[in-house]
């Protein structure tokens, strides 16, 4: 009867945003970047409305920019992982067959301990 506390998460449109890759970091960098840029702008201009507008604009650009960059890197990594898994699957199927011997002769990929 041990009731483990459930992790609270934010669900938007039926999707847990905590499980979306890059969401957390994008929001974190966007919020902190927007906050600091708005504060710096206020320190130099002393116009609260312009500083607030600048902070929101900075938040938007930083969040969007980091999101695009992070998702691009995530997609590249996912593609390479899928490619490597397929190559490993093919290697296990060919191991010990005549095709494996031909590949080893052609490319010289014999293991060092063999």
C-alpha atoms as a PDB file:
ATOM      1  CA  UNK A   1       0.000   0.000   0.000  1.00  0.00           C
ATOM      2  CA  UNK A   2       2.743   2.427  -0.773  1.00  0.00           C
ATOM      3  CA  UNK A   3       1.226   5.234  -2.714  1.00  0.00           C
ATOM      4  CA  UNK A   4       4.014   6.884  -4.597  1.00  0.00           C
ATOM      5  CA  UNK A   5       3.328  10.538  -5.277  1.00  0.00           C
ATOM      6  CA  UNK A   6       2.530  11.088  -8.918  1.00  0.00           C
ATOM      7  CA  UNK A   7       4.629  13.585 -10.752  1.00  0.00           C
ATOM      8  CA  UNK A   8       2.515  16.582 -11.663  1.00  0.00           C
ATOM      9  CA  UNK A   9       2.854  17.605 -15.249  1.00  0.00           C
ATOM     10  CA  UNK A  10       1.387  20.212 -17.525  1.00  0.00           C
ATOM     11  CA  UNK A  11      -0.938  18.804 -20.180  1.00  0.00           C
ATOM     12  CA  UNK A  12      -1.871  21.027 -23.115  1.00  0.00           C
ATOM     13  CA  UNK A  13      -4.190  19.706 -25.837  1.00  0.00           C
ATOM     14  CA  UNK A  14      -3.874  16.213 -24.376  1.00  0.00           C
ATOM     15  CA  UNK A  15      -0.084  16.163 -24.566  1.00  0.00           C
ATOM     16  CA  UNK A  16       2.323  16.223 -21.629  1.00  0.00           C
ATOM     17  CA  UNK A  17       4.646  19.119 -22.413  1.00  0.00           C
ATOM     18  CA  UNK A  18       7.311  17.722 -20.089  1.00  0.00           C
ATOM     19  CA  UNK A  19       7.834  14.844 -22.501  1.00  0.00           C
ATOM     20  CA  UNK A  20       8.260  17.020 -25.585  1.00  0.00           C
ATOM     21  CA  UNK A  21      11.956  17.110 -26.510  1.00  0.00           C
ATOM     22  CA  UNK A  22      13.558  20.560 -26.146  1.00  0.00           C
ATOM     23  CA  UNK A  23      10.460  22.199 -24.617  1.00  0.00           C
ATOM     24  CA  UNK A  24      11.847  22.627 -21.116  1.00  0.00           C
ATOM     25  CA  UNK A  25      15.202  24.070 -22.173  1.00  0.00           C
ATOM     26  CA  UNK A  26      13.647  26.347 -24.786  1.00  0.00           C
ATOM     27  CA  UNK A  27      11.253  27.837 -22.262  1.00  0.00           C
ATOM     28  CA  UNK A  28      13.976  28.149 -19.621  1.00  0.00           C
ATOM     29  CA  UNK A  29      16.361  30.004 -21.922  1.00  0.00           C
ATOM     30  CA  UNK A  30      13.564  32.119 -23.373  1.00  0.00           C
ATOM     31  CA  UNK A  31      12.229  33.219 -19.992  1.00  0.00           C
ATOM     32  CA  UNK A  32      15.627  34.017 -18.493  1.00  0.00           C
ATOM     33  CA  UNK A  33      16.834  35.740 -21.663  1.00  0.00           C
ATOM     34  CA  UNK A  34      13.661  37.803 -21.938  1.00  0.00           C
ATOM     35  CA  UNK A  35      13.774  38.752 -18.269  1.00  0.00           C
ATOM     36  CA  UNK A  36      17.392  39.866 -18.333  1.00  0.00           C
ATOM     37  CA  UNK A  37      17.110  41.689 -21.646  1.00  0.00           C
ATOM     38  CA  UNK A  38      14.042  43.550 -20.362  1.00  0.00           C
ATOM     39  CA  UNK A  39      15.841  44.494 -17.153  1.00  0.00           C
ATOM     40  CA  UNK A  40      18.922  45.691 -19.014  1.00  0.00           C
ATOM     41  CA  UNK A  41      16.763  47.686 -21.412  1.00  0.00           C
ATOM     42  CA  UNK A  42      14.962  49.263 -18.450  1.00  0.00           C
ATOM     43  CA  UNK A  43      18.268  50.131 -16.773  1.00  0.00           C
ATOM     44  CA  UNK A  44      19.380  52.053 -19.864  1.00  0.00           C
ATOM     45  CA  UNK A  45      16.108  53.673 -20.972  1.00  0.00           C
ATOM     46  CA  UNK A  46      13.894  53.894 -17.842  1.00  0.00           C
ATOM     47  CA  UNK A  47      10.815  53.321 -20.016  1.00  0.00           C
ATOM     48  CA  UNK A  48       8.790  50.461 -18.505  1.00  0.00           C
ATOM     49  CA  UNK A  49       6.497  49.946 -21.486  1.00  0.00           C
ATOM     50  CA  UNK A  50       9.314  49.818 -24.035  1.00  0.00           C
ATOM     51  CA  UNK A  51      11.311  47.540 -21.748  1.00  0.00           C
ATOM     52  CA  UNK A  52       8.359  45.182 -21.345  1.00  0.00           C
ATOM     53  CA  UNK A  53       7.804  45.067 -25.086  1.00  0.00           C
ATOM     54  CA  UNK A  54      11.492  44.372 -25.619  1.00  0.00           C
ATOM     55  CA  UNK A  55      11.433  41.610 -22.981  1.00  0.00           C
ATOM     56  CA  UNK A  56       8.479  39.868 -24.649  1.00  0.00           C
ATOM     57  CA  UNK A  57      10.088  40.202 -28.069  1.00  0.00           C
ATOM     58  CA  UNK A  58      13.382  38.845 -26.724  1.00  0.00           C
ATOM     59  CA  UNK A  59      11.578  35.951 -25.040  1.00  0.00           C
ATOM     60  CA  UNK A  60       9.850  35.087 -28.305  1.00  0.00           C
ATOM     61  CA  UNK A  61      12.980  35.164 -30.446  1.00  0.00           C
ATOM     62  CA  UNK A  62      15.183  33.340 -27.947  1.00  0.00           C
ATOM     63  CA  UNK A  63      12.593  30.616 -27.359  1.00  0.00           C
ATOM     64  CA  UNK A  64      11.882  30.126 -31.048  1.00  0.00           C
ATOM     65  CA  UNK A  65      15.555  30.231 -32.006  1.00  0.00           C
ATOM     66  CA  UNK A  66      16.613  27.725 -29.376  1.00  0.00           C
ATOM     67  CA  UNK A  67      13.625  25.487 -30.163  1.00  0.00           C
ATOM     68  CA  UNK A  68      14.532  25.313 -33.860  1.00  0.00           C
ATOM     69  CA  UNK A  69      18.203  24.648 -33.122  1.00  0.00           C
ATOM     70  CA  UNK A  70      17.481  22.007 -30.479  1.00  0.00           C
ATOM     71  CA  UNK A  71      14.892  20.177 -32.583  1.00  0.00           C
ATOM     72  CA  UNK A  72      17.263  20.141 -35.552  1.00  0.00           C
ATOM     73  CA  UNK A  73      20.025  18.578 -33.445  1.00  0.00           C
ATOM     74  CA  UNK A  74      17.519  16.155 -31.898  1.00  0.00           C
ATOM     75  CA  UNK A  75      16.312  15.076 -35.341  1.00  0.00           C
ATOM     76  CA  UNK A  76      19.881  14.528 -36.561  1.00  0.00           C
ATOM     77  CA  UNK A  77      20.678  12.435 -33.491  1.00  0.00           C
ATOM     78  CA  UNK A  78      17.482  10.411 -33.836  1.00  0.00           C
ATOM     79  CA  UNK A  79      18.159   9.757 -37.527  1.00  0.00           C
ATOM     80  CA  UNK A  80      21.733   8.632 -36.832  1.00  0.00           C
ATOM     81  CA  UNK A  81      20.535   6.382 -33.993  1.00  0.00           C
ATOM     82  CA  UNK A  82      17.952   4.723 -36.233  1.00  0.00           C
ATOM     83  CA  UNK A  83      20.569   4.274 -38.952  1.00  0.00           C
ATOM     84  CA  UNK A  84      23.031   2.706 -36.509  1.00  0.00           C
ATOM     85  CA  UNK A  85      20.360   0.358 -35.147  1.00  0.00           C
ATOM     86  CA  UNK A  86      19.570  -0.804 -38.681  1.00  0.00           C
ATOM     87  CA  UNK A  87      23.254  -1.392 -39.432  1.00  0.00           C
ATOM     88  CA  UNK A  88      23.671  -3.368 -36.203  1.00  0.00           C
ATOM     89  CA  UNK A  89      20.596  -5.439 -37.042  1.00  0.00           C
ATOM     90  CA  UNK A  90      21.989  -6.188 -40.507  1.00  0.00           C
ATOM     91  CA  UNK A  91      25.359  -7.085 -39.009  1.00  0.00           C
ATOM     92  CA  UNK A  92      23.810  -9.636 -36.653  1.00  0.00           C
ATOM     93  CA  UNK A  93      21.936 -11.211 -39.554  1.00  0.00           C
ATOM     94  CA  UNK A  94      25.078 -11.484 -41.694  1.00  0.00           C
ATOM     95  CA  UNK A  95      27.431 -12.634 -38.945  1.00  0.00           C
ATOM     96  CA  UNK A  96      29.050 -15.948 -39.812  1.00  0.00           C
ATOM     97  CA  UNK A  97      27.720 -16.103 -43.377  1.00  0.00           C
ATOM     98  CA  UNK A  98      29.548 -15.977 -46.678  1.00  0.00           C
ATOM     99  CA  UNK A  99      28.457 -12.344 -47.130  1.00  0.00           C
ATOM    100  CA  UNK A 100      30.158 -11.469 -43.821  1.00  0.00           C
ATOM    101  CA  UNK A 101      33.404 -13.062 -45.005  1.00  0.00           C
ATOM    102  CA  UNK A 102      33.227 -11.116 -48.276  1.00  0.00           C
ATOM    103  CA  UNK A 103      32.665  -7.843 -46.430  1.00  0.00           C
ATOM    104  CA  UNK A 104      35.603  -8.555 -44.115  1.00  0.00           C
ATOM    105  CA  UNK A 105      37.853  -9.298 -47.088  1.00  0.00           C
ATOM    106  CA  UNK A 106      36.733  -6.197 -48.959  1.00  0.00           C
ATOM    107  CA  UNK A 107      36.913  -3.685 -46.105  1.00  0.00           C
ATOM    108  CA  UNK A 108      39.270  -5.394 -43.664  1.00  0.00           C
ATOM    109  CA  UNK A 109      36.896  -5.129 -40.718  1.00  0.00           C
ATOM    110  CA  UNK A 110      38.047  -8.156 -38.758  1.00  0.00           C
ATOM    111  CA  UNK A 111      37.989  -7.662 -34.994  1.00  0.00           C
ATOM    112  CA  UNK A 112      41.389  -7.196 -33.328  1.00  0.00           C
ATOM    113  CA  UNK A 113      40.963 -10.173 -30.971  1.00  0.00           C
ATOM    114  CA  UNK A 114      39.981 -12.670 -33.718  1.00  0.00           C
END
